[in-house]
N, C-alpha and C. Protein backbone atom coordinates (compact mmCIF):
# COMPACT_ATOMS: atom_id res chain seq x y z
N MET A 1 0.75 -1.19 0.04
CA MET A 1 0.00 0.02 -0.12
C MET A 1 0.74 1.41 -0.07
N SER A 2 0.67 2.15 -0.95
CA SER A 2 1.56 3.17 -1.16
C SER A 2 0.91 4.32 -0.30
N GLN A 3 1.90 5.26 0.50
CA GLN A 3 1.44 6.36 1.38
C GLN A 3 1.45 7.83 0.48
N ALA A 4 0.58 8.47 0.83
CA ALA A 4 0.53 10.00 0.27
C ALA A 4 1.81 10.78 0.50
N ALA A 5 2.04 11.35 -0.48
CA ALA A 5 3.29 12.13 -0.73
C ALA A 5 2.98 13.28 0.37
N ASP A 6 4.29 13.44 1.09
CA ASP A 6 4.32 14.58 1.84
C ASP A 6 4.10 15.84 1.06
N PRO A 7 3.20 16.75 1.79
CA PRO A 7 2.95 18.21 0.78
C PRO A 7 4.20 18.99 0.84
N VAL A 8 4.39 19.33 -0.14
CA VAL A 8 5.30 20.56 -0.55
C VAL A 8 4.97 21.64 0.00
N ILE A 9 5.76 22.22 0.82
CA ILE A 9 5.79 23.53 1.65
C ILE A 9 6.67 24.60 0.83
N PRO A 10 5.91 25.50 0.34
CA PRO A 10 6.75 26.60 -0.46
C PRO A 10 8.04 27.16 0.18
N GLU A 11 8.65 27.71 -0.48
CA GLU A 11 9.75 28.49 0.14
C GLU A 11 9.08 29.98 0.06
N VAL A 12 9.23 30.94 0.84
CA VAL A 12 8.88 32.53 0.87
C VAL A 12 10.14 33.27 0.64
N ARG A 13 10.16 34.24 -0.37
CA ARG A 13 11.15 34.89 -0.25
C ARG A 13 10.58 36.26 -0.77
N ARG A 14 11.38 37.52 -0.63
CA ARG A 14 11.09 38.63 -0.63
C ARG A 14 10.97 38.71 -2.73
N TYR A 15 9.74 39.64 -3.04
CA TYR A 15 9.72 39.85 -4.40
C TYR A 15 10.90 40.46 -4.80
N ARG A 16 11.17 40.21 -6.36
CA ARG A 16 12.35 40.71 -7.04
C ARG A 16 11.59 41.21 -8.22
N SER A 17 12.41 42.34 -8.76
CA SER A 17 11.68 43.23 -10.19
C SER A 17 11.53 41.87 -11.34
N GLU A 18 12.47 40.86 -11.36
CA GLU A 18 12.37 40.00 -12.34
C GLU A 18 10.85 39.08 -12.32
N ASP A 19 10.35 39.08 -10.96
CA ASP A 19 9.14 38.49 -10.80
C ASP A 19 7.74 39.01 -11.35
N ALA A 20 8.03 40.18 -11.71
CA ALA A 20 6.87 41.04 -12.24
C ALA A 20 5.94 40.41 -13.35
N PRO A 21 6.46 39.91 -14.41
CA PRO A 21 5.51 38.96 -15.36
C PRO A 21 5.00 37.99 -14.75
N LEU A 22 5.66 37.12 -14.03
CA LEU A 22 5.02 35.96 -13.25
C LEU A 22 4.02 36.16 -12.44
N THR A 23 4.18 37.45 -11.61
CA THR A 23 3.27 37.51 -10.59
C THR A 23 2.18 38.04 -11.12
N LEU A 24 1.93 39.08 -12.41
CA LEU A 24 0.98 39.45 -12.70
C LEU A 24 0.22 38.37 -13.59
N GLU A 25 0.82 37.66 -14.18
CA GLU A 25 0.35 36.45 -14.69
C GLU A 25 -0.56 35.39 -13.79
N ILE A 26 -0.16 35.52 -12.43
CA ILE A 26 -0.77 34.58 -11.25
C ILE A 26 -1.90 35.41 -11.06
N PHE A 27 -1.84 36.72 -10.82
CA PHE A 27 -2.96 37.58 -10.50
C PHE A 27 -4.05 37.61 -11.44
N LEU A 28 -3.83 37.61 -12.74
CA LEU A 28 -4.88 37.61 -13.93
C LEU A 28 -5.38 36.41 -13.89
N ALA A 29 -4.87 35.07 -13.75
CA ALA A 29 -5.35 33.97 -13.83
C ALA A 29 -6.02 33.48 -12.54
N ALA A 30 -5.67 34.03 -11.43
CA ALA A 30 -6.45 33.76 -10.11
C ALA A 30 -7.85 34.47 -10.33
N ILE A 31 -7.86 35.52 -10.88
CA ILE A 31 -9.15 36.36 -11.11
C ILE A 31 -9.91 35.88 -12.01
N THR A 32 -9.43 35.48 -13.25
CA THR A 32 -10.12 35.19 -14.38
C THR A 32 -10.70 33.65 -14.29
N LYS A 33 -9.77 32.96 -13.63
CA LYS A 33 -10.06 31.49 -13.62
C LYS A 33 -10.90 31.29 -11.93
N THR A 34 -9.88 31.24 -11.15
CA THR A 34 -10.41 31.00 -9.61
C THR A 34 -11.59 31.50 -9.46
N ALA A 35 -11.41 33.01 -9.18
CA ALA A 35 -12.58 33.82 -8.77
C ALA A 35 -13.66 34.06 -9.66
N ALA A 36 -13.49 33.62 -10.87
CA ALA A 36 -14.82 33.52 -11.89
C ALA A 36 -15.93 32.93 -11.58
N ALA A 37 -15.70 31.85 -10.51
CA ALA A 37 -17.03 31.11 -10.15
C ALA A 37 -18.10 32.21 -9.16
N ASP A 38 -17.27 33.16 -8.71
CA ASP A 38 -18.09 34.10 -7.84
C ASP A 38 -18.59 35.31 -8.29
N TYR A 39 -18.24 35.59 -9.40
CA TYR A 39 -18.16 37.12 -10.18
C TYR A 39 -18.74 36.67 -11.43
N SER A 40 -19.56 38.06 -11.85
CA SER A 40 -19.95 37.95 -13.10
C SER A 40 -18.85 38.33 -14.09
N PRO A 41 -18.77 38.19 -15.38
CA PRO A 41 -17.88 38.54 -16.49
C PRO A 41 -17.66 39.91 -16.43
N GLU A 42 -18.61 41.06 -16.07
CA GLU A 42 -18.17 42.20 -16.01
C GLU A 42 -17.53 42.62 -14.78
N GLN A 43 -17.72 42.10 -13.62
CA GLN A 43 -16.77 42.26 -12.47
C GLN A 43 -15.61 41.79 -12.59
N ILE A 44 -15.27 40.67 -13.40
CA ILE A 44 -14.05 40.09 -13.51
C ILE A 44 -13.24 40.78 -14.42
N ARG A 45 -13.70 41.38 -15.68
CA ARG A 45 -12.83 42.56 -16.36
C ARG A 45 -12.74 43.84 -15.65
N GLY A 46 -13.69 44.17 -14.87
CA GLY A 46 -13.30 45.26 -14.24
C GLY A 46 -12.23 44.97 -12.86
N TRP A 47 -12.12 43.72 -12.59
CA TRP A 47 -11.11 43.87 -11.25
C TRP A 47 -9.79 43.62 -11.93
N ALA A 48 -9.79 42.60 -13.17
CA ALA A 48 -8.50 42.09 -13.72
C ALA A 48 -8.12 43.02 -14.58
N ARG A 49 -8.74 43.83 -15.28
CA ARG A 49 -8.33 44.92 -16.34
C ARG A 49 -6.71 44.50 -16.79
N PRO A 50 -6.61 43.40 -17.67
CA PRO A 50 -5.43 43.21 -18.28
C PRO A 50 -5.23 44.10 -19.07
N ASP A 51 -5.95 44.98 -19.97
CA ASP A 51 -5.21 45.81 -20.78
C ASP A 51 -4.82 47.10 -20.34
N ARG A 52 -4.64 47.26 -18.88
CA ARG A 52 -4.33 48.45 -18.03
C ARG A 52 -3.11 48.21 -17.35
N ARG A 53 -2.60 47.04 -17.77
CA ARG A 53 -1.45 46.61 -16.54
C ARG A 53 -0.16 46.08 -17.18
N THR A 54 0.84 46.53 -17.05
CA THR A 54 1.89 46.40 -17.76
C THR A 54 2.92 45.40 -16.57
N PRO A 55 3.55 44.82 -16.92
CA PRO A 55 4.81 44.25 -16.06
C PRO A 55 5.69 45.56 -15.28
N SER A 56 5.93 46.53 -16.21
CA SER A 56 6.64 47.68 -15.73
C SER A 56 5.88 48.31 -14.49
N ASP A 57 4.60 48.55 -14.62
CA ASP A 57 3.93 49.21 -13.68
C ASP A 57 3.51 48.45 -12.56
N TRP A 58 3.13 47.26 -12.85
CA TRP A 58 3.11 46.14 -11.68
C TRP A 58 4.20 46.13 -11.14
N ASP A 59 5.63 45.97 -11.48
CA ASP A 59 6.60 46.05 -10.79
C ASP A 59 6.44 47.24 -9.81
N THR A 60 6.49 48.19 -10.29
CA THR A 60 6.53 49.66 -9.44
C THR A 60 5.77 49.44 -8.32
N ALA A 61 4.45 48.68 -8.57
CA ALA A 61 3.34 48.85 -7.24
C ALA A 61 3.89 47.66 -6.56
N ARG A 62 4.19 46.52 -6.78
CA ARG A 62 4.77 45.63 -5.90
C ARG A 62 6.12 45.81 -5.00
N THR A 63 6.70 46.63 -5.81
CA THR A 63 8.17 47.17 -5.11
C THR A 63 7.63 48.04 -4.00
N LYS A 64 6.58 49.02 -4.04
CA LYS A 64 6.28 49.87 -3.24
C LYS A 64 5.67 49.03 -1.77
N LEU A 65 5.26 48.10 -2.05
CA LEU A 65 4.81 47.33 -0.87
C LEU A 65 5.80 46.23 -0.46
N SER A 66 5.64 45.59 0.84
CA SER A 66 6.46 44.77 1.01
C SER A 66 6.12 43.37 0.60
N THR A 67 6.14 42.81 -0.61
CA THR A 67 5.60 41.71 -1.43
C THR A 67 6.59 40.59 -1.12
N PHE A 68 5.84 39.38 -0.80
CA PHE A 68 6.52 38.01 -0.99
C PHE A 68 5.87 37.12 -1.96
N VAL A 69 6.89 36.30 -2.46
CA VAL A 69 6.27 35.49 -3.35
C VAL A 69 6.67 33.99 -2.77
N ALA A 70 5.96 32.90 -3.04
CA ALA A 70 5.94 31.49 -2.65
C ALA A 70 6.54 30.75 -3.60
N VAL A 71 7.50 30.04 -3.63
CA VAL A 71 8.08 29.51 -4.82
C VAL A 71 7.92 27.82 -4.48
N ILE A 72 7.83 27.32 -5.50
CA ILE A 72 7.85 25.69 -5.31
C ILE A 72 8.75 25.21 -6.41
N GLY A 73 9.76 24.67 -5.91
CA GLY A 73 10.91 24.27 -6.84
C GLY A 73 11.51 25.40 -7.46
N THR A 74 11.14 25.83 -8.98
CA THR A 74 11.72 27.05 -9.37
C THR A 74 10.48 27.81 -9.79
N GLU A 75 9.21 27.28 -9.68
CA GLU A 75 8.00 28.31 -10.07
C GLU A 75 7.35 28.98 -8.78
N ILE A 76 7.15 30.40 -9.47
CA ILE A 76 6.41 31.09 -8.32
C ILE A 76 5.01 30.68 -8.44
N ALA A 77 4.55 30.07 -7.21
CA ALA A 77 3.19 29.78 -6.86
C ALA A 77 2.03 30.37 -6.36
N GLY A 78 2.64 31.75 -5.99
CA GLY A 78 1.73 32.91 -5.52
C GLY A 78 2.53 33.88 -5.04
N PHE A 79 1.90 35.00 -4.30
CA PHE A 79 2.35 36.21 -3.88
C PHE A 79 1.35 36.98 -2.78
N SER A 80 2.11 37.75 -2.16
CA SER A 80 1.43 38.27 -1.06
C SER A 80 2.08 39.63 -0.72
N ASP A 81 1.22 40.39 0.06
CA ASP A 81 2.11 41.58 0.78
C ASP A 81 1.70 42.21 1.70
N VAL A 82 2.24 42.95 2.68
CA VAL A 82 1.83 43.52 3.70
C VAL A 82 2.37 45.08 4.12
N SER A 83 1.64 45.66 4.34
CA SER A 83 2.05 47.50 4.49
C SER A 83 2.58 47.35 6.04
N GLU A 84 3.02 48.68 6.06
CA GLU A 84 3.79 48.72 7.42
C GLU A 84 2.47 48.81 8.59
N THR A 85 1.22 49.13 8.36
CA THR A 85 0.26 49.22 9.00
C THR A 85 -0.34 47.92 9.47
N GLY A 86 0.06 46.92 8.50
CA GLY A 86 -0.45 45.43 8.68
C GLY A 86 -1.67 45.23 7.49
N TYR A 87 -1.67 46.16 6.91
CA TYR A 87 -2.61 45.89 5.74
C TYR A 87 -2.25 44.98 4.50
N ILE A 88 -2.97 43.96 4.28
CA ILE A 88 -2.67 42.92 3.13
C ILE A 88 -3.43 43.38 2.15
N ASP A 89 -2.84 43.78 1.08
CA ASP A 89 -3.31 44.28 -0.37
C ASP A 89 -3.82 43.33 -1.20
N MET A 90 -2.74 42.03 -1.54
CA MET A 90 -2.95 41.19 -2.29
C MET A 90 -2.64 39.94 -1.84
N MET A 91 -3.34 38.74 -2.14
CA MET A 91 -3.00 37.51 -1.84
C MET A 91 -3.37 36.59 -2.98
N PHE A 92 -2.50 36.07 -3.83
CA PHE A 92 -3.19 35.40 -4.80
C PHE A 92 -2.30 34.49 -5.12
N VAL A 93 -2.89 33.27 -5.41
CA VAL A 93 -2.34 31.84 -5.70
C VAL A 93 -2.64 31.40 -7.24
N SER A 94 -1.55 30.97 -8.08
CA SER A 94 -1.98 30.53 -9.21
C SER A 94 -3.06 29.22 -8.93
N PRO A 95 -3.77 29.19 -10.05
CA PRO A 95 -4.77 28.11 -10.06
C PRO A 95 -4.12 27.05 -9.85
N LYS A 96 -2.92 26.79 -10.51
CA LYS A 96 -2.40 25.30 -10.50
C LYS A 96 -1.88 24.70 -9.40
N HIS A 97 -1.62 25.64 -8.36
CA HIS A 97 -1.05 25.62 -7.08
C HIS A 97 -2.17 25.78 -6.09
N ALA A 98 -3.51 25.94 -6.17
CA ALA A 98 -4.66 26.20 -5.29
C ALA A 98 -4.81 25.01 -4.35
N ARG A 99 -5.20 25.33 -3.18
CA ARG A 99 -5.40 24.15 -2.17
C ARG A 99 -4.36 23.60 -1.75
N ARG A 100 -2.92 24.05 -1.99
CA ARG A 100 -1.68 23.19 -1.62
C ARG A 100 -1.16 23.83 -0.52
N GLY A 101 -1.70 24.94 0.30
CA GLY A 101 -0.89 25.25 1.42
C GLY A 101 -0.13 26.60 1.12
N VAL A 102 -0.12 26.94 -0.25
CA VAL A 102 0.41 28.19 -0.56
C VAL A 102 -0.15 29.58 -0.04
N ALA A 103 -1.17 29.94 0.11
CA ALA A 103 -1.71 31.00 0.95
C ALA A 103 -1.48 30.87 2.26
N ARG A 104 -1.74 29.64 2.96
CA ARG A 104 -1.27 29.30 4.38
C ARG A 104 0.09 29.93 4.77
N THR A 105 0.98 29.35 3.82
CA THR A 105 2.67 29.79 3.77
C THR A 105 2.77 31.16 3.87
N LEU A 106 2.12 31.87 2.91
CA LEU A 106 2.36 33.52 2.48
C LEU A 106 1.75 33.95 3.87
N LEU A 107 0.55 33.61 4.44
CA LEU A 107 -0.02 34.18 5.67
C LEU A 107 0.74 34.23 6.75
N MET A 108 1.44 33.18 7.00
CA MET A 108 2.36 32.58 8.11
C MET A 108 3.50 33.74 7.91
N GLU A 109 4.01 34.14 6.83
CA GLU A 109 5.08 34.73 6.48
C GLU A 109 4.91 36.20 6.78
N LEU A 110 3.53 36.59 6.24
CA LEU A 110 3.03 38.00 6.51
C LEU A 110 2.71 38.35 8.10
N GLU A 111 2.40 37.38 8.73
CA GLU A 111 2.08 37.34 10.14
C GLU A 111 3.34 37.45 10.90
N ARG A 112 4.64 36.87 10.40
CA ARG A 112 5.97 37.15 11.12
C ARG A 112 6.24 38.42 10.69
N GLN A 113 6.36 38.75 9.61
CA GLN A 113 6.59 40.28 9.20
C GLN A 113 6.13 41.44 9.84
N ALA A 114 4.80 41.19 10.18
CA ALA A 114 3.92 42.21 11.06
C ALA A 114 4.28 42.04 12.44
N ARG A 115 4.82 41.02 12.95
CA ARG A 115 5.51 40.89 14.46
C ARG A 115 6.63 41.59 14.44
N ASP A 116 7.45 41.36 13.32
CA ASP A 116 8.77 42.15 13.42
C ASP A 116 8.61 43.64 13.14
N LEU A 117 7.34 43.88 12.61
CA LEU A 117 7.30 45.56 12.35
C LEU A 117 6.44 46.32 13.49
N GLY A 118 6.11 45.10 14.63
CA GLY A 118 5.56 45.71 15.67
C GLY A 118 4.17 45.93 15.59
N VAL A 119 3.50 45.28 14.49
CA VAL A 119 1.84 45.70 14.18
C VAL A 119 1.52 44.41 14.75
N GLY A 120 0.54 44.91 15.51
CA GLY A 120 -0.50 43.66 16.44
C GLY A 120 -1.70 42.98 15.48
N ARG A 121 -1.93 43.62 14.28
CA ARG A 121 -3.10 43.04 13.84
C ARG A 121 -3.00 43.00 12.18
N LEU A 122 -3.20 42.42 11.59
CA LEU A 122 -3.51 42.53 10.13
C LEU A 122 -4.68 42.80 9.48
N THR A 123 -4.93 43.51 8.53
CA THR A 123 -6.48 43.56 8.06
C THR A 123 -6.43 43.57 6.54
N ALA A 124 -7.37 42.96 5.92
CA ALA A 124 -7.65 43.23 4.66
C ALA A 124 -8.92 42.98 4.11
N ASN A 125 -9.29 43.73 2.86
CA ASN A 125 -10.60 43.74 2.19
C ASN A 125 -10.57 42.29 1.44
N VAL A 126 -11.02 41.36 1.40
CA VAL A 126 -11.04 40.04 0.52
C VAL A 126 -11.99 39.83 -0.35
N SER A 127 -11.82 39.15 -1.23
CA SER A 127 -12.95 38.90 -2.05
C SER A 127 -13.75 37.78 -1.80
N ILE A 128 -15.01 37.36 -2.45
CA ILE A 128 -16.01 36.32 -1.89
C ILE A 128 -15.22 35.15 -2.01
N THR A 129 -14.21 34.96 -2.94
CA THR A 129 -13.54 33.69 -3.14
C THR A 129 -12.52 33.12 -2.13
N ALA A 130 -11.71 34.53 -1.83
CA ALA A 130 -10.84 34.36 -0.72
C ALA A 130 -11.44 34.43 0.92
N ARG A 131 -12.68 34.78 1.17
CA ARG A 131 -13.23 34.79 2.12
C ARG A 131 -13.18 33.61 3.30
N PRO A 132 -13.45 32.39 2.65
CA PRO A 132 -13.53 31.12 3.28
C PRO A 132 -12.21 30.74 3.88
N PHE A 133 -11.04 31.25 3.21
CA PHE A 133 -9.57 31.01 3.26
C PHE A 133 -9.13 31.90 4.69
N PHE A 134 -9.57 33.09 4.58
CA PHE A 134 -9.32 34.03 5.97
C PHE A 134 -9.99 33.49 7.04
N GLU A 135 -11.40 33.07 6.81
CA GLU A 135 -12.14 32.76 7.71
C GLU A 135 -11.66 31.55 8.61
N ARG A 136 -11.08 30.78 7.78
CA ARG A 136 -10.32 29.66 8.32
C ARG A 136 -9.49 29.75 9.48
N PHE A 137 -8.79 30.78 9.13
CA PHE A 137 -7.69 31.36 10.19
C PHE A 137 -8.14 32.48 11.36
N GLY A 138 -9.31 32.60 11.39
CA GLY A 138 -9.93 33.30 12.35
C GLY A 138 -10.23 34.84 11.99
N TRP A 139 -10.14 35.05 10.81
CA TRP A 139 -10.34 36.50 10.19
C TRP A 139 -12.12 36.61 10.43
C-alpha cells in the first residue's frame, strides 16, 4: 500500500523585479479562473483590467509594498504583501497551485513580518472567493 506524498511547503522569499511578469500572470489567472465562479464576467473584467496592466507598472506597485512570493521548486506559486500598518492588499495563488498550502504559507510569513514591524493586527478587504480561506484562520 502506497502512502500519500508529503505536502510540498513553498519557500517564501522577497519579491524581485524579475518576478513582475509571473506575479502579474498569477494575479490575472487567479481572477479570471479561480474567482470567476463567484463574480460576473463584467466584475471580472473590471477587477482584472489586463489591458491596463504592464509588467513595469506592476513591478513599481509590488516594489512599493512589502511583497513576498511563494516558490515551489523554481516556479512562483503565489504572492502576497503587507504594509507597514498591517494591511494585506493582495494575496493570489496560481490556479495550478490552489489548495496546496501556498496561501497559508504566505499568510504565516505576513504574520511574521507584521510581528517584526511591531504591528499587532493584520487587516484585509478580501474577495468572496478568498473569504473562506481567511475565515479558516480566524479573520
